C-alpha atoms as a PDB file:
ATOM      1  CA  MET A   1       0.148  -0.088  -0.097  1.00  0.00           C
ATOM      2  CA  GLU A   2       1.288   3.559  -0.878  1.00  0.00           C
ATOM      3  CA  LYS A   3       2.673   5.468   1.924  1.00  0.00           C
ATOM      4  CA  VAL A   4       0.753   8.566   2.556  1.00  0.00           C
ATOM      5  CA  SER A   5       2.744  11.717   3.283  1.00  0.00           C
ATOM      6  CA  PHE A   6       1.431  14.711   5.380  1.00  0.00           C
ATOM      7  CA  GLU A   7       2.271  16.869   2.660  1.00  0.00           C
ATOM      8  CA  ASP A   8       0.197  15.037   0.132  1.00  0.00           C
ATOM      9  CA  LEU A   9      -2.882  14.776   2.553  1.00  0.00           C
ATOM     10  CA  ILE A  10      -2.777  18.763   3.017  1.00  0.00           C
ATOM     11  CA  LYS A  11      -2.337  19.278  -0.536  1.00  0.00           C
ATOM     12  CA  LEU A  12      -5.259  17.169  -1.445  1.00  0.00           C
ATOM     13  CA  ARG A  13      -7.464  18.538   1.271  1.00  0.00           C
ATOM     14  CA  LYS A  14      -6.772  22.180   0.381  1.00  0.00           C
ATOM     15  CA  LYS A  15      -7.657  21.281  -3.207  1.00  0.00           C
ATOM     16  CA  THR A  16     -10.897  19.340  -2.456  1.00  0.00           C
ATOM     17  CA  GLY A  17     -12.139  20.606   0.893  1.00  0.00           C
ATOM     18  CA  ILE A  18     -13.053  16.868   1.809  1.00  0.00           C
ATOM     19  CA  GLY A  19     -12.089  15.014   5.143  1.00  0.00           C
ATOM     20  CA  LEU A  20      -8.756  13.797   5.809  1.00  0.00           C
ATOM     21  CA  LYS A  21      -9.769  10.208   6.100  1.00  0.00           C
ATOM     22  CA  ASP A  22     -11.339  10.296   2.482  1.00  0.00           C
ATOM     23  CA  CYS A  23      -8.172  12.175   1.522  1.00  0.00           C
ATOM     24  CA  LYS A  24      -5.975   9.353   2.773  1.00  0.00           C
ATOM     25  CA  GLU A  25      -7.962   6.661   1.182  1.00  0.00           C
ATOM     26  CA  ALA A  26      -7.752   8.383  -2.278  1.00  0.00           C
ATOM     27  CA  ILE A  27      -4.105   8.787  -1.798  1.00  0.00           C
ATOM     28  CA  GLU A  28      -3.664   5.072  -1.186  1.00  0.00           C
ATOM     29  CA  GLU A  29      -5.699   4.123  -4.143  1.00  0.00           C
ATOM     30  CA  SER A  30      -3.949   6.397  -6.614  1.00  0.00           C
ATOM     31  CA  LYS A  31      -0.448   5.333  -5.294  1.00  0.00           C
ATOM     32  CA  GLY A  32       0.300   9.093  -4.319  1.00  0.00           C
ATOM     33  CA  ASP A  33      -0.953  10.629  -7.580  1.00  0.00           C
ATOM     34  CA  ILE A  34      -2.801  13.653  -6.456  1.00  0.00           C
ATOM     35  CA  GLU A  35      -4.660  14.405  -9.695  1.00  0.00           C
ATOM     36  CA  LYS A  36      -5.703  10.577 -10.084  1.00  0.00           C
ATOM     37  CA  ALA A  37      -6.880  10.974  -6.180  1.00  0.00           C
ATOM     38  CA  ILE A  38      -9.259  13.834  -7.092  1.00  0.00           C
ATOM     39  CA  GLU A  39     -10.553  11.712  -9.976  1.00  0.00           C
ATOM     40  CA  ILE A  40     -11.273   8.772  -7.737  1.00  0.00           C
ATOM     41  CA  LEU A  41     -13.015  11.066  -5.443  1.00  0.00           C
ATOM     42  CA  ARG A  42     -15.156  12.405  -8.118  1.00  0.00           C
ATOM     43  CA  LYS A  43     -16.103   8.927  -9.281  1.00  0.00           C
ATOM     44  CA  LYS A  44     -16.990   7.925  -5.736  1.00  0.00           C
ATOM     45  CA  GLY A  45     -19.304  10.989  -5.474  1.00  0.00           C
ATOM     46  CA  ILE A  46     -17.368  12.372  -2.288  1.00  0.00           C
ATOM     47  CA  LEU A  47     -16.084  15.300  -3.972  1.00  0.00           C
ATOM     48  CA  LYS A  48     -19.231  16.842  -5.225  1.00  0.00           C
ATOM     49  CA  ALA A  49     -21.078  15.752  -1.890  1.00  0.00           C
ATOM     50  CA  GLN A  50     -18.615  17.394   0.325  1.00  0.00           C
ATOM     51  CA  LYS A  51     -17.530  20.456  -1.900  1.00  0.00           C
ATOM     52  CA  ARG A  52     -20.115  23.014  -0.289  1.00  0.00           C
ATOM     53  CA  ALA A  53     -19.209  21.675   3.471  1.00  0.00           C
ATOM     54  CA  GLY A  54     -15.624  22.215   2.784  1.00  0.00           C
ATOM     55  CA  LYS A  55     -16.087  25.721   1.442  1.00  0.00           C
ATOM     56  CA  GLU A  56     -18.187  26.641   4.512  1.00  0.00           C
ATOM     57  CA  ALA A  57     -15.333  25.582   6.820  1.00  0.00           C
ATOM     58  CA  LYS A  58     -12.276  26.870   4.985  1.00  0.00           C
ATOM     59  CA  ASN A  59     -10.924  28.834   7.955  1.00  0.00           C
ATOM     60  CA  GLY A  60      -8.824  27.329  10.727  1.00  0.00           C
ATOM     61  CA  PHE A  61      -5.671  25.308  10.718  1.00  0.00           C
ATOM     62  CA  ILE A  62      -4.308  21.827  10.264  1.00  0.00           C
ATOM     63  CA  GLY A  63      -2.156  20.757  13.227  1.00  0.00           C
ATOM     64  CA  SER A  64       0.270  17.971  13.041  1.00  0.00           C
ATOM     65  CA  TYR A  65       2.470  15.921  15.238  1.00  0.00           C
ATOM     66  CA  VAL A  66       5.013  13.022  14.589  1.00  0.00           C
ATOM     67  CA  HIS A  67       6.372  11.048  17.296  1.00  0.00           C
ATOM     68  CA  ASN A  68       9.674   9.454  16.852  1.00  0.00           C
ATOM     69  CA  GLY A  69       8.951   8.958  13.192  1.00  0.00           C
ATOM     70  CA  GLN A  70       6.497   6.075  14.174  1.00  0.00           C
ATOM     71  CA  ILE A  71       3.297   7.747  14.802  1.00  0.00           C
ATOM     72  CA  GLY A  72       1.912  10.664  12.724  1.00  0.00           C
ATOM     73  CA  VAL A  73      -1.282  12.779  13.144  1.00  0.00           C
ATOM     74  CA  LEU A  74      -2.937  15.457  11.288  1.00  0.00           C
ATOM     75  CA  VAL A  75      -6.120  17.239  12.968  1.00  0.00           C
ATOM     76  CA  GLU A  76      -8.288  19.820  11.267  1.00  0.00           C
ATOM     77  CA  LEU A  77      -9.286  22.588  13.573  1.00  0.00           C
ATOM     78  CA  ALA A  78     -11.746  24.804  12.003  1.00  0.00           C
ATOM     79  CA  SER A  79     -12.563  28.551  12.862  1.00  0.00           C
ATOM     80  CA  GLU A  80     -15.003  31.179  11.551  1.00  0.00           C
ATOM     81  CA  THR A  81     -12.320  33.534  10.643  1.00  0.00           C
ATOM     82  CA  ASP A  82      -8.943  33.463   8.964  1.00  0.00           C
ATOM     83  CA  PHE A  83      -7.834  35.917  11.591  1.00  0.00           C
ATOM     84  CA  VAL A  84      -8.382  33.328  14.287  1.00  0.00           C
ATOM     85  CA  GLY A  85      -6.886  30.484  12.020  1.00  0.00           C
ATOM     86  CA  ARG A  86      -3.715  32.393  11.786  1.00  0.00           C
ATOM     87  CA  ASP A  87      -3.587  33.090  15.609  1.00  0.00           C
ATOM     88  CA  GLU A  88      -0.427  31.593  17.584  1.00  0.00           C
ATOM     89  CA  LYS A  89      -2.544  30.301  20.362  1.00  0.00           C
ATOM     90  CA  PHE A  90      -5.223  28.710  17.972  1.00  0.00           C
ATOM     91  CA  ARG A  91      -2.343  26.946  16.213  1.00  0.00           C
ATOM     92  CA  GLU A  92      -0.934  25.693  19.601  1.00  0.00           C
ATOM     93  CA  LEU A  93      -4.210  24.214  20.480  1.00  0.00           C
ATOM     94  CA  ALA A  94      -4.169  22.410  17.038  1.00  0.00           C
ATOM     95  CA  HIS A  95      -0.612  20.911  17.775  1.00  0.00           C
ATOM     96  CA  ASN A  96      -1.627  20.086  21.177  1.00  0.00           C
ATOM     97  CA  LEU A  97      -4.666  18.060  19.978  1.00  0.00           C
ATOM     98  CA  ALA A  98      -2.516  16.284  17.242  1.00  0.00           C
ATOM     99  CA  LEU A  99      -0.007  15.314  20.343  1.00  0.00           C
ATOM    100  CA  HIS A 100      -3.047  14.200  22.187  1.00  0.00           C
ATOM    101  CA  ILE A 101      -4.298  12.078  19.380  1.00  0.00           C
ATOM    102  CA  ALA A 102      -0.998  10.359  18.861  1.00  0.00           C
ATOM    103  CA  ALA A 103      -0.826   9.400  22.439  1.00  0.00           C
ATOM    104  CA  GLU A 104      -4.474   8.315  23.457  1.00  0.00           C
ATOM    105  CA  ALA A 105      -5.694   6.979  19.657  1.00  0.00           C
ATOM    106  CA  PRO A 106      -9.264   8.358  19.750  1.00  0.00           C
ATOM    107  CA  ILE A 107     -11.444   6.583  17.190  1.00  0.00           C
ATOM    108  CA  TYR A 108     -14.304   9.188  16.791  1.00  0.00           C
ATOM    109  CA  ILE A 109     -14.475  12.838  17.517  1.00  0.00           C
ATOM    110  CA  SER A 110     -17.756  12.912  19.452  1.00  0.00           C
ATOM    111  CA  ARG A 111     -20.329  10.609  20.963  1.00  0.00           C
ATOM    112  CA  ASP A 112     -22.575  11.366  17.827  1.00  0.00           C
ATOM    113  CA  ASP A 113     -19.967   9.754  15.546  1.00  0.00           C
ATOM    114  CA  VAL A 114     -20.295   6.234  17.195  1.00  0.00           C
ATOM    115  CA  PRO A 115     -22.385   3.955  15.059  1.00  0.00           C
ATOM    116  CA  GLU A 116     -25.440   2.965  16.681  1.00  0.00           C
ATOM    117  CA  ASP A 117     -24.801  -0.687  16.076  1.00  0.00           C
ATOM    118  CA  THR A 118     -21.363  -0.449  17.545  1.00  0.00           C
ATOM    119  CA  LEU A 119     -22.845   1.011  20.559  1.00  0.00           C
ATOM    120  CA  GLU A 120     -25.552  -1.941  20.954  1.00  0.00           C
ATOM    121  CA  LYS A 121     -22.697  -4.252  20.662  1.00  0.00           C
ATOM    122  CA  GLU A 122     -20.838  -2.845  23.301  1.00  0.00           C
ATOM    123  CA  LYS A 123     -23.985  -2.703  25.606  1.00  0.00           C
ATOM    124  CA  GLU A 124     -24.531  -6.273  24.819  1.00  0.00           C
ATOM    125  CA  ILE A 125     -21.007  -7.319  25.776  1.00  0.00           C
ATOM    126  CA  PHE A 126     -21.159  -5.270  29.048  1.00  0.00           C
ATOM    127  CA  ARG A 127     -24.663  -6.674  30.050  1.00  0.00           C
ATOM    128  CA  ALA A 128     -23.601 -10.311  29.291  1.00  0.00           C
ATOM    129  CA  ASN A 129     -20.452  -9.761  31.669  1.00  0.00           C
ATOM    130  CA  LEU A 130     -22.661  -8.380  34.292  1.00  0.00           C
ATOM    131  CA  ILE A 131     -25.135 -11.196  34.007  1.00  0.00           C
ATOM    132  CA  LYS A 132     -22.182 -13.719  34.039  1.00  0.00           C
ATOM    133  CA  GLU A 133     -20.923 -11.949  37.396  1.00  0.00           C
ATOM    134  CA  GLY A 134     -24.354 -12.469  39.173  1.00  0.00           C
ATOM    135  CA  LYS A 135     -25.346  -8.727  39.328  1.00  0.00           C
ATOM    136  CA  PRO A 136     -29.152  -8.010  40.012  1.00  0.00           C
ATOM    137  CA  GLU A 137     -31.222  -7.202  37.125  1.00  0.00           C
ATOM    138  CA  LYS A 138     -32.494  -4.178  38.651  1.00  0.00           C
ATOM    139  CA  ILE A 139     -29.069  -2.396  38.855  1.00  0.00           C
ATOM    140  CA  ILE A 140     -27.700  -3.821  35.489  1.00  0.00           C
ATOM    141  CA  ASP A 141     -29.013  -0.845  33.391  1.00  0.00           C
ATOM    142  CA  LYS A 142     -27.359   1.683  35.594  1.00  0.00           C
ATOM    143  CA  ILE A 143     -23.743  -0.178  35.635  1.00  0.00           C
ATOM    144  CA  VAL A 144     -24.302  -0.574  31.710  1.00  0.00           C
ATOM    145  CA  SER A 145     -24.771   3.314  31.510  1.00  0.00           C
ATOM    146  CA  GLY A 146     -21.600   3.903  33.525  1.00  0.00           C
ATOM    147  CA  GLN A 147     -19.616   1.466  31.440  1.00  0.00           C
ATOM    148  CA  ILE A 148     -20.706   3.197  28.475  1.00  0.00           C
ATOM    149  CA  ASN A 149     -19.593   6.701  29.665  1.00  0.00           C
ATOM    150  CA  LYS A 150     -16.017   5.127  30.392  1.00  0.00           C
ATOM    151  CA  TYR A 151     -16.211   3.587  26.809  1.00  0.00           C
ATOM    152  CA  TYR A 152     -16.927   7.170  25.213  1.00  0.00           C
ATOM    153  CA  GLU A 153     -13.840   8.408  27.339  1.00  0.00           C
ATOM    154  CA  GLU A 154     -11.765   5.807  25.574  1.00  0.00           C
ATOM    155  CA  VAL A 155     -13.062   6.266  21.904  1.00  0.00           C
ATOM    156  CA  CYS A 156     -14.341   9.786  21.636  1.00  0.00           C
ATOM    157  CA  LEU A 157     -11.726  12.520  21.388  1.00  0.00           C
ATOM    158  CA  LEU A 158     -13.838  15.110  22.890  1.00  0.00           C
ATOM    159  CA  ASP A 159     -14.425  13.177  25.964  1.00  0.00           C
ATOM    160  CA  GLN A 160     -10.945  11.994  26.695  1.00  0.00           C
ATOM    161  CA  PRO A 161      -9.041  13.745  29.556  1.00  0.00           C
ATOM    162  CA  PHE A 162      -6.240  15.990  27.889  1.00  0.00           C
ATOM    163  CA  VAL A 163      -2.933  14.116  28.054  1.00  0.00           C
ATOM    164  CA  LYS A 164      -1.187  17.267  29.163  1.00  0.00           C
ATOM    165  CA  ASP A 165      -3.777  17.912  32.007  1.00  0.00           C
ATOM    166  CA  GLU A 166      -6.144  15.338  33.000  1.00  0.00           C
ATOM    167  CA  LYS A 167      -8.480  17.542  34.815  1.00  0.00           C
ATOM    168  CA  LYS A 168      -9.656  18.812  31.709  1.00  0.00           C
ATOM    169  CA  LYS A 169     -11.298  16.965  28.937  1.00  0.00           C
ATOM    170  CA  ILE A 170     -10.847  17.965  25.150  1.00  0.00           C
ATOM    171  CA  LYS A 171     -14.257  19.451  24.959  1.00  0.00           C
ATOM    172  CA  ASP A 172     -13.102  21.745  27.850  1.00  0.00           C
ATOM    173  CA  LEU A 173     -10.140  22.900  25.607  1.00  0.00           C
ATOM    174  CA  ILE A 174     -12.424  23.617  22.859  1.00  0.00           C
ATOM    175  CA  ASP A 175     -14.850  25.574  25.164  1.00  0.00           C
ATOM    176  CA  GLU A 176     -11.909  27.649  26.397  1.00  0.00           C
ATOM    177  CA  ALA A 177     -10.880  28.548  22.890  1.00  0.00           C
ATOM    178  CA  VAL A 178     -14.348  29.647  21.957  1.00  0.00           C
ATOM    179  CA  ALA A 179     -14.308  31.714  25.030  1.00  0.00           C
ATOM    180  CA  LEU A 180     -11.043  33.146  24.202  1.00  0.00           C
ATOM    181  CA  PHE A 181     -11.659  33.810  20.400  1.00  0.00           C
ATOM    182  CA  GLY A 182     -15.395  34.711  20.491  1.00  0.00           C
ATOM    183  CA  GLU A 183     -16.172  32.506  17.704  1.00  0.00           C
ATOM    184  CA  LYS A 184     -17.080  28.946  17.098  1.00  0.00           C
ATOM    185  CA  ILE A 185     -14.073  26.534  16.923  1.00  0.00           C
ATOM    186  CA  GLU A 186     -14.629  22.836  16.325  1.00  0.00           C
ATOM    187  CA  ILE A 187     -12.371  19.809  15.527  1.00  0.00           C
ATOM    188  CA  GLN A 188     -13.563  18.815  11.911  1.00  0.00           C
ATOM    189  CA  ASP A 189     -11.527  15.789  11.322  1.00  0.00           C
ATOM    190  CA  PHE A 190      -8.480  13.780  12.182  1.00  0.00           C
ATOM    191  CA  VAL A 191      -5.966  11.059  10.873  1.00  0.00           C
ATOM    192  CA  ARG A 192      -3.749   8.932  12.810  1.00  0.00           C
ATOM    193  CA  MET A 193      -1.025   6.679  11.100  1.00  0.00           C
ATOM    194  CA  VAL A 194       1.270   4.178  12.614  1.00  0.00           C
ATOM    195  CA  LEU A 195       4.231   3.051  10.865  1.00  0.00           C
ATOM    196  CA  GLY A 196       3.537  -0.548   9.683  1.00  0.00           C
ATOM    197  CA  GLU A 197      -0.306  -0.370  10.042  1.00  0.00           C
ATOM    198  CA  GLU A 198      -2.654  -0.168   7.296  1.00  0.00           C
ATOM    199  CA  GLU A 199      -5.420   1.805   9.185  1.00  0.00           C
ATOM    200  CA  GLU A 200      -5.209   3.856  12.129  1.00  0.00           C
ATOM    201  CA  ASP A 201      -7.828   6.518  11.484  1.00  0.00           C
ATOM    202  CA  LYS A 202     -11.349   7.018  12.647  1.00  0.00           C
END
């Protein structure tokens, strides 16, 4: 499989406005040929479908972090204005998010991104284990609810405690940025790549 470079990912993202994950898959399929990757996206209907969304979210910054040449992360942090997107503190936040993703390996951005069938499967596993342990039926639902919240903290970026300050969650960092800059700030996409692994993104 073609090795995907951060430079190619950012180049394709800027040209098309689509998500980093779709960009990564198109570059892999095109064997690193950017123009061919664009054609692949067109044929799949992704480019047309996401063109407008990309334009609406054109401001912000793509933060990056590489750990010992083994783990690489790109994270797209969106802002309403280009002025905020160029701010040093905003870019530092994007970098810190990339560093966090490298360390904690989230799968999704938010709880809303977790597929319903995945969530139901997790609940079934938790419930089956509790029944096996002999827990009373009347408290199983409450325990499962607590375990699902812990599951969200493991797989959802916004729910994870920040690796540099575990008293704060990632969503708290975003809220602080909103208060600081006075405009909407959101994590739109991320890709996490591990050397030797074919797929390590959400």
